[in-house]
Amino acid sequence: MPLASVIIPVFNGERTIQETIESVLTQTLTNFELLVIDDGSQDGTLEIVACIPDSRIKVFSYPNAGQSTSRNRGIELAKGEYVSFIDADDLWTPDKLEAQLKALQANPKAAVVYSWTDWIDESSQLLGKGSYNTEQGEVFAKLLLNDFVANGSNVLIRRDALTEVGGFDPLVTPAEDWDLWLRLAARYEFVAVRSPQILYRISPHSASFNVWKMEASSLRVIDKAFAVAPESLQYLKPQCLGNRYKYLTFKAIEGYPERNKGIAAIRFLGNAIKNDPSLLRAKVIWKVLFRIAAITFLTPKLAQAVINKFKPLSNTTTLLGYMKLNTV
């Protein structure tokens, strides 16, 4: 019986799937099964996986149903006491599973462990420091304000806890990760490994991020979470909404300039200010407004040229560094 089950949902991942799998197979913790859940790939993904000689790899193919359903299918098949997920384009450092397992074993009240994240580019070169949070213990209130776990390739979870809360909710895609972390945090403690062990890939596909769908799903997640939150935490809802609309604003203005996203960013920023008026006193607000104006009123080519002259506005990461999210 494997100690851990690692689940990789993949759809047309031929460009990166081999490197992702190799980062799992080279883990210092070796007692695991690797479940590749093929979500109807139509490229060379399955052929590439079939050429990797390791008995721990098990491949299951299904018609396309989306990442949440693929992960849930993996959970149903998992035999390990612990479950972890990694997207088909992300990477782990070799000590990820071992360090996280030790952290969970040392904290029996905790059901979830997460590590720090760094960003890599299409060529797997380091782009910079990502999410470095240290929140642990009872973190439900903090998770309401900020998804500090940061990505779905991060956590190691006790399978019993994962089964109890019900896995990923496909109805709140693409905010299903945050939703699951909140449901887990409502019942269990979290623990942090203070080391960058997740290499999260930033690709040109990020420019096509559907901010409208993320807004709708985020609002559903927030409503779900506050429906079960104790009365003592209800006061956090405006801060939660403010933080999420900050995030959506930044997502709308990153990547290649698109006028429709600039228009969306105006609305998102308005909602962020409505829920967090202190934004009006933040120095970065003028930088954000400048970028929104460029995206909204200039041609994409001209907007990109203008933006490139102002490197502090070159990406969402830098902007988020200027404006801290509300915390408790």
C-alpha atoms as a PDB file:
ATOM      1  CA  MET A   1       0.000   0.000   0.000  1.00  0.00           C
ATOM      2  CA  PRO A   2       1.549   3.364  -0.999  1.00  0.00           C
ATOM      3  CA  LEU A   3       2.030   5.940   1.724  1.00  0.00           C
ATOM      4  CA  ALA A   4       1.043   8.809  -0.560  1.00  0.00           C
ATOM      5  CA  SER A   5      -0.927   9.281  -3.749  1.00  0.00           C
ATOM      6  CA  VAL A   6       0.163  11.986  -6.187  1.00  0.00           C
ATOM      7  CA  ILE A   7      -2.502  13.050  -8.690  1.00  0.00           C
ATOM      8  CA  ILE A   8      -1.705  14.782 -11.993  1.00  0.00           C
ATOM      9  CA  PRO A   9      -4.735  15.949 -13.978  1.00  0.00           C
ATOM     10  CA  VAL A  10      -3.691  16.579 -17.579  1.00  0.00           C
ATOM     11  CA  PHE A  11      -5.309  17.814 -20.758  1.00  0.00           C
ATOM     12  CA  ASN A  12      -3.067  18.190 -23.824  1.00  0.00           C
ATOM     13  CA  GLY A  13       0.053  18.536 -21.697  1.00  0.00           C
ATOM     14  CA  GLU A  14       2.657  17.131 -24.086  1.00  0.00           C
ATOM     15  CA  ARG A  15       4.955  20.179 -23.743  1.00  0.00           C
ATOM     16  CA  THR A  16       5.515  19.820 -19.993  1.00  0.00           C
ATOM     17  CA  ILE A  17       4.141  16.510 -18.710  1.00  0.00           C
ATOM     18  CA  GLN A  18       7.445  14.641 -18.824  1.00  0.00           C
ATOM     19  CA  GLU A  19       9.306  17.245 -16.797  1.00  0.00           C
ATOM     20  CA  THR A  20       6.468  17.390 -14.282  1.00  0.00           C
ATOM     21  CA  ILE A  21       6.422  13.622 -13.851  1.00  0.00           C
ATOM     22  CA  GLU A  22      10.205  13.500 -13.500  1.00  0.00           C
ATOM     23  CA  SER A  23      10.035  16.072 -10.702  1.00  0.00           C
ATOM     24  CA  VAL A  24       7.693  13.687  -8.873  1.00  0.00           C
ATOM     25  CA  LEU A  25       9.682  10.534  -9.569  1.00  0.00           C
ATOM     26  CA  THR A  26      12.876  12.110  -8.180  1.00  0.00           C
ATOM     27  CA  GLN A  27      11.303  12.808  -4.778  1.00  0.00           C
ATOM     28  CA  THR A  28      13.379  11.743  -1.784  1.00  0.00           C
ATOM     29  CA  LEU A  29      10.206  10.140  -0.438  1.00  0.00           C
ATOM     30  CA  THR A  30       9.742   7.130  -2.705  1.00  0.00           C
ATOM     31  CA  ASN A  31       6.731   5.306  -1.243  1.00  0.00           C
ATOM     32  CA  PHE A  32       3.981   6.792  -3.413  1.00  0.00           C
ATOM     33  CA  GLU A  33       1.767   6.060  -6.394  1.00  0.00           C
ATOM     34  CA  LEU A  34       1.502   8.516  -9.264  1.00  0.00           C
ATOM     35  CA  LEU A  35      -1.974   8.725 -10.771  1.00  0.00           C
ATOM     36  CA  VAL A  36      -2.064  10.449 -14.154  1.00  0.00           C
ATOM     37  CA  ILE A  37      -5.679  11.402 -14.878  1.00  0.00           C
ATOM     38  CA  ASP A  38      -5.932  12.048 -18.611  1.00  0.00           C
ATOM     39  CA  ASP A  39      -8.810  14.438 -19.272  1.00  0.00           C
ATOM     40  CA  GLY A  40      -9.411  13.571 -22.922  1.00  0.00           C
ATOM     41  CA  SER A  41      -6.042  14.683 -24.290  1.00  0.00           C
ATOM     42  CA  GLN A  42      -5.793  14.821 -28.057  1.00  0.00           C
ATOM     43  CA  ASP A  43      -2.067  15.452 -28.381  1.00  0.00           C
ATOM     44  CA  GLY A  44       0.918  13.239 -27.561  1.00  0.00           C
ATOM     45  CA  THR A  45       0.470  13.291 -23.775  1.00  0.00           C
ATOM     46  CA  LEU A  46      -0.354   9.590 -23.372  1.00  0.00           C
ATOM     47  CA  GLU A  47       2.475   8.488 -25.660  1.00  0.00           C
ATOM     48  CA  ILE A  48       4.977  10.501 -23.624  1.00  0.00           C
ATOM     49  CA  VAL A  49       3.736   9.101 -20.307  1.00  0.00           C
ATOM     50  CA  ALA A  50       3.803   5.549 -21.680  1.00  0.00           C
ATOM     51  CA  CYS A  51       7.522   5.930 -22.408  1.00  0.00           C
ATOM     52  CA  ILE A  52       8.415   6.721 -18.781  1.00  0.00           C
ATOM     53  CA  PRO A  53       9.474   3.420 -17.156  1.00  0.00           C
ATOM     54  CA  ASP A  54       8.303   3.502 -13.545  1.00  0.00           C
ATOM     55  CA  SER A  55       5.888   1.047 -11.966  1.00  0.00           C
ATOM     56  CA  ARG A  56       4.521   3.732  -9.650  1.00  0.00           C
ATOM     57  CA  ILE A  57       2.827   5.461 -12.598  1.00  0.00           C
ATOM     58  CA  LYS A  58      -0.801   4.557 -13.275  1.00  0.00           C
ATOM     59  CA  VAL A  59      -2.697   6.167 -16.139  1.00  0.00           C
ATOM     60  CA  PHE A  60      -6.473   6.575 -16.323  1.00  0.00           C
ATOM     61  CA  SER A  61      -8.187   8.141 -19.325  1.00  0.00           C
ATOM     62  CA  TYR A  62     -11.616   9.769 -19.369  1.00  0.00           C
ATOM     63  CA  PRO A  63     -13.638  12.064 -21.652  1.00  0.00           C
ATOM     64  CA  ASN A  64     -12.863  15.736 -21.056  1.00  0.00           C
ATOM     65  CA  ALA A  65     -14.615  16.994 -17.932  1.00  0.00           C
ATOM     66  CA  GLY A  66     -12.313  19.655 -16.483  1.00  0.00           C
ATOM     67  CA  GLN A  67      -9.603  19.798 -13.848  1.00  0.00           C
ATOM     68  CA  SER A  68     -11.842  19.595 -10.774  1.00  0.00           C
ATOM     69  CA  THR A  69     -13.518  16.416 -11.981  1.00  0.00           C
ATOM     70  CA  SER A  70     -10.147  14.936 -12.940  1.00  0.00           C
ATOM     71  CA  ARG A  71      -8.744  15.609  -9.483  1.00  0.00           C
ATOM     72  CA  ASN A  72     -11.844  14.089  -7.870  1.00  0.00           C
ATOM     73  CA  ARG A  73     -11.456  11.000 -10.040  1.00  0.00           C
ATOM     74  CA  GLY A  74      -7.901  10.741  -8.760  1.00  0.00           C
ATOM     75  CA  ILE A  75      -9.078  11.040  -5.163  1.00  0.00           C
ATOM     76  CA  GLU A  76     -11.514   8.156  -5.691  1.00  0.00           C
ATOM     77  CA  LEU A  77      -8.696   5.998  -7.077  1.00  0.00           C
ATOM     78  CA  ALA A  78      -6.096   7.000  -4.486  1.00  0.00           C
ATOM     79  CA  LYS A  79      -4.861   4.341  -2.087  1.00  0.00           C
ATOM     80  CA  GLY A  80      -2.381   6.406  -0.104  1.00  0.00           C
ATOM     81  CA  GLU A  81      -2.872   7.736   3.401  1.00  0.00           C
ATOM     82  CA  TYR A  82      -1.895  11.165   2.075  1.00  0.00           C
ATOM     83  CA  VAL A  83      -2.877  12.866  -1.182  1.00  0.00           C
ATOM     84  CA  SER A  84      -1.119  15.540  -3.175  1.00  0.00           C
ATOM     85  CA  PHE A  85      -1.831  17.215  -6.514  1.00  0.00           C
ATOM     86  CA  ILE A  86       0.434  18.711  -9.137  1.00  0.00           C
ATOM     87  CA  ASP A  87      -0.662  20.398 -12.348  1.00  0.00           C
ATOM     88  CA  ALA A  88       0.830  19.054 -15.553  1.00  0.00           C
ATOM     89  CA  ASP A  89       3.068  22.086 -16.105  1.00  0.00           C
ATOM     90  CA  ASP A  90       4.364  22.706 -12.569  1.00  0.00           C
ATOM     91  CA  LEU A  91       7.414  21.240 -10.815  1.00  0.00           C
ATOM     92  CA  TRP A  92       8.447  20.176  -7.326  1.00  0.00           C
ATOM     93  CA  THR A  93      11.821  20.321  -5.655  1.00  0.00           C
ATOM     94  CA  PRO A  94      13.062  16.808  -4.713  1.00  0.00           C
ATOM     95  CA  ASP A  95      12.355  17.223  -0.976  1.00  0.00           C
ATOM     96  CA  LYS A  96       8.760  18.443  -1.313  1.00  0.00           C
ATOM     97  CA  LEU A  97       6.867  15.306  -0.298  1.00  0.00           C
ATOM     98  CA  GLU A  98       9.305  14.237   2.413  1.00  0.00           C
ATOM     99  CA  ALA A  99       9.380  17.652   4.101  1.00  0.00           C
ATOM    100  CA  GLN A 100       5.607  18.003   3.975  1.00  0.00           C
ATOM    101  CA  LEU A 101       5.020  14.499   5.313  1.00  0.00           C
ATOM    102  CA  LYS A 102       7.342  15.137   8.258  1.00  0.00           C
ATOM    103  CA  ALA A 103       5.488  18.376   8.991  1.00  0.00           C
ATOM    104  CA  LEU A 104       2.116  16.606   9.066  1.00  0.00           C
ATOM    105  CA  GLN A 105       3.432  13.761  11.195  1.00  0.00           C
ATOM    106  CA  ALA A 106       4.836  16.287  13.673  1.00  0.00           C
ATOM    107  CA  ASN A 107       1.474  18.089  13.837  1.00  0.00           C
ATOM    108  CA  PRO A 108      -1.254  15.468  14.349  1.00  0.00           C
ATOM    109  CA  LYS A 109      -4.003  18.115  14.560  1.00  0.00           C
ATOM    110  CA  ALA A 110      -3.146  19.362  11.085  1.00  0.00           C
ATOM    111  CA  ALA A 111      -4.692  17.820   7.978  1.00  0.00           C
ATOM    112  CA  VAL A 112      -3.074  20.078   5.368  1.00  0.00           C
ATOM    113  CA  VAL A 113       0.509  21.143   4.792  1.00  0.00           C
ATOM    114  CA  TYR A 114       1.714  23.652   2.225  1.00  0.00           C
ATOM    115  CA  SER A 115       5.082  25.028   1.170  1.00  0.00           C
ATOM    116  CA  TRP A 116       6.384  28.234  -0.386  1.00  0.00           C
ATOM    117  CA  THR A 117       6.099  28.840  -4.122  1.00  0.00           C
ATOM    118  CA  ASP A 118       8.479  30.300  -6.696  1.00  0.00           C
ATOM    119  CA  TRP A 119       7.636  31.186 -10.295  1.00  0.00           C
ATOM    120  CA  ILE A 120       9.264  29.732 -13.405  1.00  0.00           C
ATOM    121  CA  ASP A 121       8.880  30.587 -17.089  1.00  0.00           C
ATOM    122  CA  GLU A 122       8.105  28.447 -20.127  1.00  0.00           C
ATOM    123  CA  SER A 123      11.721  27.215 -20.159  1.00  0.00           C
ATOM    124  CA  SER A 124      11.628  26.311 -16.445  1.00  0.00           C
ATOM    125  CA  GLN A 125      13.910  29.229 -15.580  1.00  0.00           C
ATOM    126  CA  LEU A 126      13.297  30.955 -12.266  1.00  0.00           C
ATOM    127  CA  LEU A 127      11.289  34.160 -12.629  1.00  0.00           C
ATOM    128  CA  GLY A 128      11.294  35.123  -8.993  1.00  0.00           C
ATOM    129  CA  LYS A 129       9.959  34.686  -5.520  1.00  0.00           C
ATOM    130  CA  GLY A 130       6.312  33.708  -5.317  1.00  0.00           C
ATOM    131  CA  SER A 131       4.109  33.114  -2.304  1.00  0.00           C
ATOM    132  CA  TYR A 132       6.029  32.913   0.995  1.00  0.00           C
ATOM    133  CA  ASN A 133       3.475  32.643   3.807  1.00  0.00           C
ATOM    134  CA  THR A 134       3.823  31.178   7.274  1.00  0.00           C
ATOM    135  CA  GLU A 135       0.201  30.947   8.419  1.00  0.00           C
ATOM    136  CA  GLN A 136      -0.542  27.751  10.329  1.00  0.00           C
ATOM    137  CA  GLY A 137      -2.751  26.301  12.999  1.00  0.00           C
ATOM    138  CA  GLU A 138      -6.360  27.473  12.790  1.00  0.00           C
ATOM    139  CA  VAL A 139      -6.228  29.484   9.574  1.00  0.00           C
ATOM    140  CA  PHE A 140      -9.858  29.710   8.448  1.00  0.00           C
ATOM    141  CA  ALA A 141     -10.125  33.457   9.117  1.00  0.00           C
ATOM    142  CA  LYS A 142      -6.843  34.162   7.321  1.00  0.00           C
ATOM    143  CA  LEU A 143      -7.873  32.036   4.338  1.00  0.00           C
ATOM    144  CA  LEU A 144     -11.087  34.015   4.059  1.00  0.00           C
ATOM    145  CA  LEU A 145      -8.993  37.079   3.340  1.00  0.00           C
ATOM    146  CA  ASN A 146      -6.229  35.576   1.250  1.00  0.00           C
ATOM    147  CA  ASP A 147      -5.644  32.252  -0.512  1.00  0.00           C
ATOM    148  CA  PHE A 148      -2.110  32.034   0.831  1.00  0.00           C
ATOM    149  CA  VAL A 149      -1.748  28.422  -0.361  1.00  0.00           C
ATOM    150  CA  ALA A 150      -1.520  30.084  -3.789  1.00  0.00           C
ATOM    151  CA  ASN A 151      -1.922  27.091  -6.129  1.00  0.00           C
ATOM    152  CA  GLY A 152      -3.233  23.554  -6.456  1.00  0.00           C
ATOM    153  CA  SER A 153       0.217  21.986  -6.869  1.00  0.00           C
ATOM    154  CA  ASN A 154       1.149  22.841  -3.306  1.00  0.00           C
ATOM    155  CA  VAL A 155      -0.642  20.848  -0.622  1.00  0.00           C
ATOM    156  CA  LEU A 156      -0.304  17.426   0.966  1.00  0.00           C
ATOM    157  CA  ILE A 157      -3.565  16.387   2.631  1.00  0.00           C
ATOM    158  CA  ARG A 158      -4.615  13.534   4.867  1.00  0.00           C
ATOM    159  CA  ARG A 159      -6.910  11.455   2.671  1.00  0.00           C
ATOM    160  CA  ASP A 160      -9.497  10.960   5.413  1.00  0.00           C
ATOM    161  CA  ALA A 161      -9.906  14.717   5.741  1.00  0.00           C
ATOM    162  CA  LEU A 162     -10.144  15.160   1.986  1.00  0.00           C
ATOM    163  CA  THR A 163     -12.831  12.501   1.766  1.00  0.00           C
ATOM    164  CA  GLU A 164     -14.757  14.070   4.637  1.00  0.00           C
ATOM    165  CA  VAL A 165     -15.028  17.543   3.080  1.00  0.00           C
ATOM    166  CA  GLY A 166     -15.905  16.175  -0.349  1.00  0.00           C
ATOM    167  CA  GLY A 167     -13.096  17.030  -2.746  1.00  0.00           C
ATOM    168  CA  PHE A 168     -13.199  19.791  -5.360  1.00  0.00           C
ATOM    169  CA  ASP A 169     -16.436  21.522  -6.323  1.00  0.00           C
ATOM    170  CA  PRO A 170     -16.672  21.806 -10.154  1.00  0.00           C
ATOM    171  CA  LEU A 171     -19.412  24.424  -9.760  1.00  0.00           C
ATOM    172  CA  VAL A 172     -16.924  27.023  -8.490  1.00  0.00           C
ATOM    173  CA  THR A 173     -14.237  26.586 -11.141  1.00  0.00           C
ATOM    174  CA  PRO A 174     -11.764  28.294 -11.461  1.00  0.00           C
ATOM    175  CA  ALA A 175     -11.813  29.165  -7.740  1.00  0.00           C
ATOM    176  CA  GLU A 176     -12.167  25.530  -6.686  1.00  0.00           C
ATOM    177  CA  ASP A 177      -8.775  25.394  -4.953  1.00  0.00           C
ATOM    178  CA  TRP A 178      -9.605  28.244  -2.587  1.00  0.00           C
ATOM    179  CA  ASP A 179     -13.000  26.674  -1.911  1.00  0.00           C
ATOM    180  CA  LEU A 180     -11.449  23.354  -0.891  1.00  0.00           C
ATOM    181  CA  TRP A 181      -8.807  24.963   1.328  1.00  0.00           C
ATOM    182  CA  LEU A 182     -11.573  26.896   3.117  1.00  0.00           C
ATOM    183  CA  ARG A 183     -13.661  23.785   3.713  1.00  0.00           C
ATOM    184  CA  LEU A 184     -10.627  21.992   5.091  1.00  0.00           C
ATOM    185  CA  ALA A 185      -9.616  24.964   7.244  1.00  0.00           C
ATOM    186  CA  ALA A 186     -13.093  25.107   8.765  1.00  0.00           C
ATOM    187  CA  ARG A 187     -12.435  21.698  10.342  1.00  0.00           C
ATOM    188  CA  TYR A 188      -8.684  21.154  10.499  1.00  0.00           C
ATOM    189  CA  GLU A 189      -5.436  22.926  11.208  1.00  0.00           C
ATOM    190  CA  PHE A 190      -2.832  23.749   8.563  1.00  0.00           C
ATOM    191  CA  VAL A 191       0.952  23.645   8.820  1.00  0.00           C
ATOM    192  CA  ALA A 192       3.560  25.444   6.693  1.00  0.00           C
ATOM    193  CA  VAL A 193       6.923  24.240   5.379  1.00  0.00           C
ATOM    194  CA  ARG A 194       9.087  27.337   5.203  1.00  0.00           C
ATOM    195  CA  SER A 195      10.935  26.448   2.038  1.00  0.00           C
ATOM    196  CA  PRO A 196      10.205  27.124  -1.674  1.00  0.00           C
ATOM    197  CA  GLN A 197       9.288  23.680  -2.965  1.00  0.00           C
ATOM    198  CA  ILE A 198       6.667  24.479  -5.610  1.00  0.00           C
ATOM    199  CA  LEU A 199       7.771  25.825  -8.990  1.00  0.00           C
ATOM    200  CA  TYR A 200       4.661  27.367 -10.522  1.00  0.00           C
ATOM    201  CA  ARG A 201       4.864  27.930 -14.250  1.00  0.00           C
ATOM    202  CA  ILE A 202       3.857  31.301 -15.678  1.00  0.00           C
ATOM    203  CA  SER A 203       3.002  30.965 -19.360  1.00  0.00           C
ATOM    204  CA  PRO A 204       1.559  33.132 -22.141  1.00  0.00           C
ATOM    205  CA  HIS A 205      -1.704  31.266 -21.576  1.00  0.00           C
ATOM    206  CA  SER A 206      -2.068  33.296 -18.378  1.00  0.00           C
ATOM    207  CA  ALA A 207      -2.992  36.270 -20.560  1.00  0.00           C
ATOM    208  CA  SER A 208      -6.236  34.492 -21.469  1.00  0.00           C
ATOM    209  CA  PHE A 209      -7.273  34.245 -17.803  1.00  0.00           C
ATOM    210  CA  ASN A 210     -11.069  34.559 -17.683  1.00  0.00           C
ATOM    211  CA  VAL A 211     -11.520  37.283 -15.082  1.00  0.00           C
ATOM    212  CA  TRP A 212     -15.291  37.311 -15.454  1.00  0.00           C
ATOM    213  CA  LYS A 213     -15.560  33.603 -14.702  1.00  0.00           C
ATOM    214  CA  MET A 214     -13.135  33.996 -11.799  1.00  0.00           C
ATOM    215  CA  GLU A 215     -15.245  36.828 -10.387  1.00  0.00           C
ATOM    216  CA  ALA A 216     -18.444  34.762 -10.520  1.00  0.00           C
ATOM    217  CA  SER A 217     -16.819  31.681  -8.990  1.00  0.00           C
ATOM    218  CA  SER A 218     -15.049  33.731  -6.308  1.00  0.00           C
ATOM    219  CA  LEU A 219     -18.324  35.304  -5.216  1.00  0.00           C
ATOM    220  CA  ARG A 220     -19.880  31.836  -4.939  1.00  0.00           C
ATOM    221  CA  VAL A 221     -16.938  30.639  -2.836  1.00  0.00           C
ATOM    222  CA  ILE A 222     -17.228  33.671  -0.561  1.00  0.00           C
ATOM    223  CA  ASP A 223     -20.962  33.128  -0.087  1.00  0.00           C
ATOM    224  CA  LYS A 224     -20.374  29.441   0.687  1.00  0.00           C
ATOM    225  CA  ALA A 225     -17.648  30.211   3.204  1.00  0.00           C
ATOM    226  CA  PHE A 226     -19.508  32.934   5.085  1.00  0.00           C
ATOM    227  CA  ALA A 227     -22.650  30.794   5.183  1.00  0.00           C
ATOM    228  CA  VAL A 228     -20.801  28.451   7.551  1.00  0.00           C
ATOM    229  CA  ALA A 229     -18.472  30.976   9.185  1.00  0.00           C
ATOM    230  CA  PRO A 230     -19.199  31.765  12.849  1.00  0.00           C
ATOM    231  CA  GLU A 231     -20.864  35.048  13.731  1.00  0.00           C
ATOM    232  CA  SER A 232     -17.561  36.300  15.124  1.00  0.00           C
ATOM    233  CA  LEU A 233     -16.050  36.282  11.615  1.00  0.00           C
ATOM    234  CA  GLN A 234     -18.911  37.820   9.647  1.00  0.00           C
ATOM    235  CA  TYR A 235     -17.304  41.261   9.942  1.00  0.00           C
ATOM    236  CA  LEU A 236     -14.528  40.039   7.620  1.00  0.00           C
ATOM    237  CA  LYS A 237     -16.766  39.804   4.548  1.00  0.00           C
ATOM    238  CA  PRO A 238     -16.105  43.337   3.242  1.00  0.00           C
ATOM    239  CA  GLN A 239     -12.353  42.813   3.659  1.00  0.00           C
ATOM    240  CA  CYS A 240     -12.644  39.447   1.915  1.00  0.00           C
ATOM    241  CA  LEU A 241     -14.484  41.047  -1.015  1.00  0.00           C
ATOM    242  CA  GLY A 242     -12.013  43.922  -1.120  1.00  0.00           C
ATOM    243  CA  ASN A 243      -9.036  41.582  -1.293  1.00  0.00           C
ATOM    244  CA  ARG A 244     -10.608  39.447  -3.987  1.00  0.00           C
ATOM    245  CA  TYR A 245     -11.452  42.451  -6.122  1.00  0.00           C
ATOM    246  CA  LYS A 246      -7.866  43.707  -5.746  1.00  0.00           C
ATOM    247  CA  TYR A 247      -6.691  40.356  -7.048  1.00  0.00           C
ATOM    248  CA  LEU A 248      -9.185  40.456  -9.929  1.00  0.00           C
ATOM    249  CA  THR A 249      -8.084  43.986 -10.823  1.00  0.00           C
ATOM    250  CA  PHE A 250      -4.492  42.890 -11.115  1.00  0.00           C
ATOM    251  CA  LYS A 251      -5.383  39.780 -13.100  1.00  0.00           C
ATOM    252  CA  ALA A 252      -7.400  41.910 -15.529  1.00  0.00           C
ATOM    253  CA  ILE A 253      -4.476  44.220 -16.325  1.00  0.00           C
ATOM    254  CA  GLU A 254      -1.685  41.684 -16.566  1.00  0.00           C
ATOM    255  CA  GLY A 255      -0.554  40.024 -19.784  1.00  0.00           C
ATOM    256  CA  TYR A 256      -1.236  41.349 -23.257  1.00  0.00           C
ATOM    257  CA  PRO A 257      -3.411  44.513 -23.165  1.00  0.00           C
ATOM    258  CA  GLU A 258      -7.081  43.834 -23.910  1.00  0.00           C
ATOM    259  CA  ARG A 259      -9.600  46.676 -23.868  1.00  0.00           C
ATOM    260  CA  ASN A 260     -12.408  44.513 -22.505  1.00  0.00           C
ATOM    261  CA  LYS A 261     -10.208  43.556 -19.556  1.00  0.00           C
ATOM    262  CA  GLY A 262      -9.375  47.206 -18.975  1.00  0.00           C
ATOM    263  CA  ILE A 263     -13.087  47.946 -18.723  1.00  0.00           C
ATOM    264  CA  ALA A 264     -13.495  45.006 -16.341  1.00  0.00           C
ATOM    265  CA  ALA A 265     -10.585  46.299 -14.265  1.00  0.00           C
ATOM    266  CA  ILE A 266     -12.381  49.632 -13.782  1.00  0.00           C
ATOM    267  CA  ARG A 267     -15.365  47.811 -12.294  1.00  0.00           C
ATOM    268  CA  PHE A 268     -13.196  45.481 -10.217  1.00  0.00           C
ATOM    269  CA  LEU A 269     -11.201  48.384  -8.794  1.00  0.00           C
ATOM    270  CA  GLY A 270     -14.421  50.220  -7.973  1.00  0.00           C
ATOM    271  CA  ASN A 271     -15.661  47.198  -6.017  1.00  0.00           C
ATOM    272  CA  ALA A 272     -12.295  46.895  -4.278  1.00  0.00           C
ATOM    273  CA  ILE A 273     -12.469  50.536  -3.161  1.00  0.00           C
ATOM    274  CA  LYS A 274     -16.111  50.153  -2.124  1.00  0.00           C
ATOM    275  CA  ASN A 275     -15.146  47.347   0.240  1.00  0.00           C
ATOM    276  CA  ASP A 276     -11.767  48.824   1.225  1.00  0.00           C
ATOM    277  CA  PRO A 277     -11.794  52.658   1.019  1.00  0.00           C
ATOM    278  CA  SER A 278      -8.198  52.768   2.296  1.00  0.00           C
ATOM    279  CA  LEU A 279      -7.119  51.904  -1.260  1.00  0.00           C
ATOM    280  CA  LEU A 280      -7.684  55.529  -2.175  1.00  0.00           C
ATOM    281  CA  ARG A 281      -4.743  56.432   0.082  1.00  0.00           C
ATOM    282  CA  ALA A 282      -2.404  53.814  -1.432  1.00  0.00           C
ATOM    283  CA  LYS A 283       0.352  55.235  -3.630  1.00  0.00           C
ATOM    284  CA  VAL A 284       0.026  52.312  -6.034  1.00  0.00           C
ATOM    285  CA  ILE A 285      -3.534  53.311  -6.916  1.00  0.00           C
ATOM    286  CA  TRP A 286      -2.212  55.837  -9.433  1.00  0.00           C
ATOM    287  CA  LYS A 287       0.015  53.247 -11.037  1.00  0.00           C
ATOM    288  CA  VAL A 288      -2.930  50.891 -11.367  1.00  0.00           C
ATOM    289  CA  LEU A 289      -5.154  53.620 -12.808  1.00  0.00           C
ATOM    290  CA  PHE A 290      -2.444  54.542 -15.306  1.00  0.00           C
ATOM    291  CA  ARG A 291      -2.204  50.998 -16.549  1.00  0.00           C
ATOM    292  CA  ILE A 292      -5.985  50.594 -16.706  1.00  0.00           C
ATOM    293  CA  ALA A 293      -6.216  53.799 -18.758  1.00  0.00           C
ATOM    294  CA  ALA A 294      -3.522  52.641 -21.163  1.00  0.00           C
ATOM    295  CA  ILE A 295      -5.196  49.285 -21.706  1.00  0.00           C
ATOM    296  CA  THR A 296      -8.672  50.761 -22.059  1.00  0.00           C
ATOM    297  CA  PHE A 297      -8.054  53.785 -24.286  1.00  0.00           C
ATOM    298  CA  LEU A 298      -4.989  52.924 -26.402  1.00  0.00           C
ATOM    299  CA  THR A 299      -4.535  50.323 -29.106  1.00  0.00           C
ATOM    300  CA  PRO A 300      -3.041  47.084 -27.763  1.00  0.00           C
ATOM    301  CA  LYS A 301       0.291  47.740 -29.505  1.00  0.00           C
ATOM    302  CA  LEU A 302       0.591  51.284 -28.208  1.00  0.00           C
ATOM    303  CA  ALA A 303      -0.599  50.280 -24.741  1.00  0.00           C
ATOM    304  CA  GLN A 304       2.085  47.583 -24.576  1.00  0.00           C
ATOM    305  CA  ALA A 305       4.764  50.057 -25.642  1.00  0.00           C
ATOM    306  CA  VAL A 306       3.694  52.522 -22.954  1.00  0.00           C
ATOM    307  CA  ILE A 307       3.494  49.840 -20.280  1.00  0.00           C
ATOM    308  CA  ASN A 308       6.952  48.511 -21.164  1.00  0.00           C
ATOM    309  CA  LYS A 309       8.425  51.897 -20.250  1.00  0.00           C
ATOM    310  CA  PHE A 310       7.194  51.480 -16.693  1.00  0.00           C
ATOM    311  CA  LYS A 311       8.754  48.248 -15.425  1.00  0.00           C
ATOM    312  CA  PRO A 312       7.186  48.470 -11.949  1.00  0.00           C
ATOM    313  CA  LEU A 313       3.877  47.846 -13.726  1.00  0.00           C
ATOM    314  CA  SER A 314       5.182  45.002 -15.857  1.00  0.00           C
ATOM    315  CA  ASN A 315       3.301  42.261 -14.048  1.00  0.00           C
ATOM    316  CA  THR A 316       0.747  41.455 -11.406  1.00  0.00           C
ATOM    317  CA  THR A 317       3.410  40.119  -9.056  1.00  0.00           C
ATOM    318  CA  THR A 318       5.056  43.511  -8.722  1.00  0.00           C
ATOM    319  CA  LEU A 319       1.738  45.301  -8.298  1.00  0.00           C
ATOM    320  CA  LEU A 320       0.672  42.941  -5.536  1.00  0.00           C
ATOM    321  CA  GLY A 321       3.970  43.678  -3.847  1.00  0.00           C
ATOM    322  CA  TYR A 322       3.021  47.356  -3.713  1.00  0.00           C
ATOM    323  CA  MET A 323      -0.420  46.784  -2.221  1.00  0.00           C
ATOM    324  CA  LYS A 324      -0.737  44.441   0.740  1.00  0.00           C
ATOM    325  CA  LEU A 325      -3.951  42.488   1.176  1.00  0.00           C
ATOM    326  CA  ASN A 326      -5.980  43.032   4.321  1.00  0.00           C
ATOM    327  CA  THR A 327      -5.109  40.503   7.011  1.00  0.00           C
ATOM    328  CA  VAL A 328      -6.266  39.496  10.466  1.00  0.00           C
END
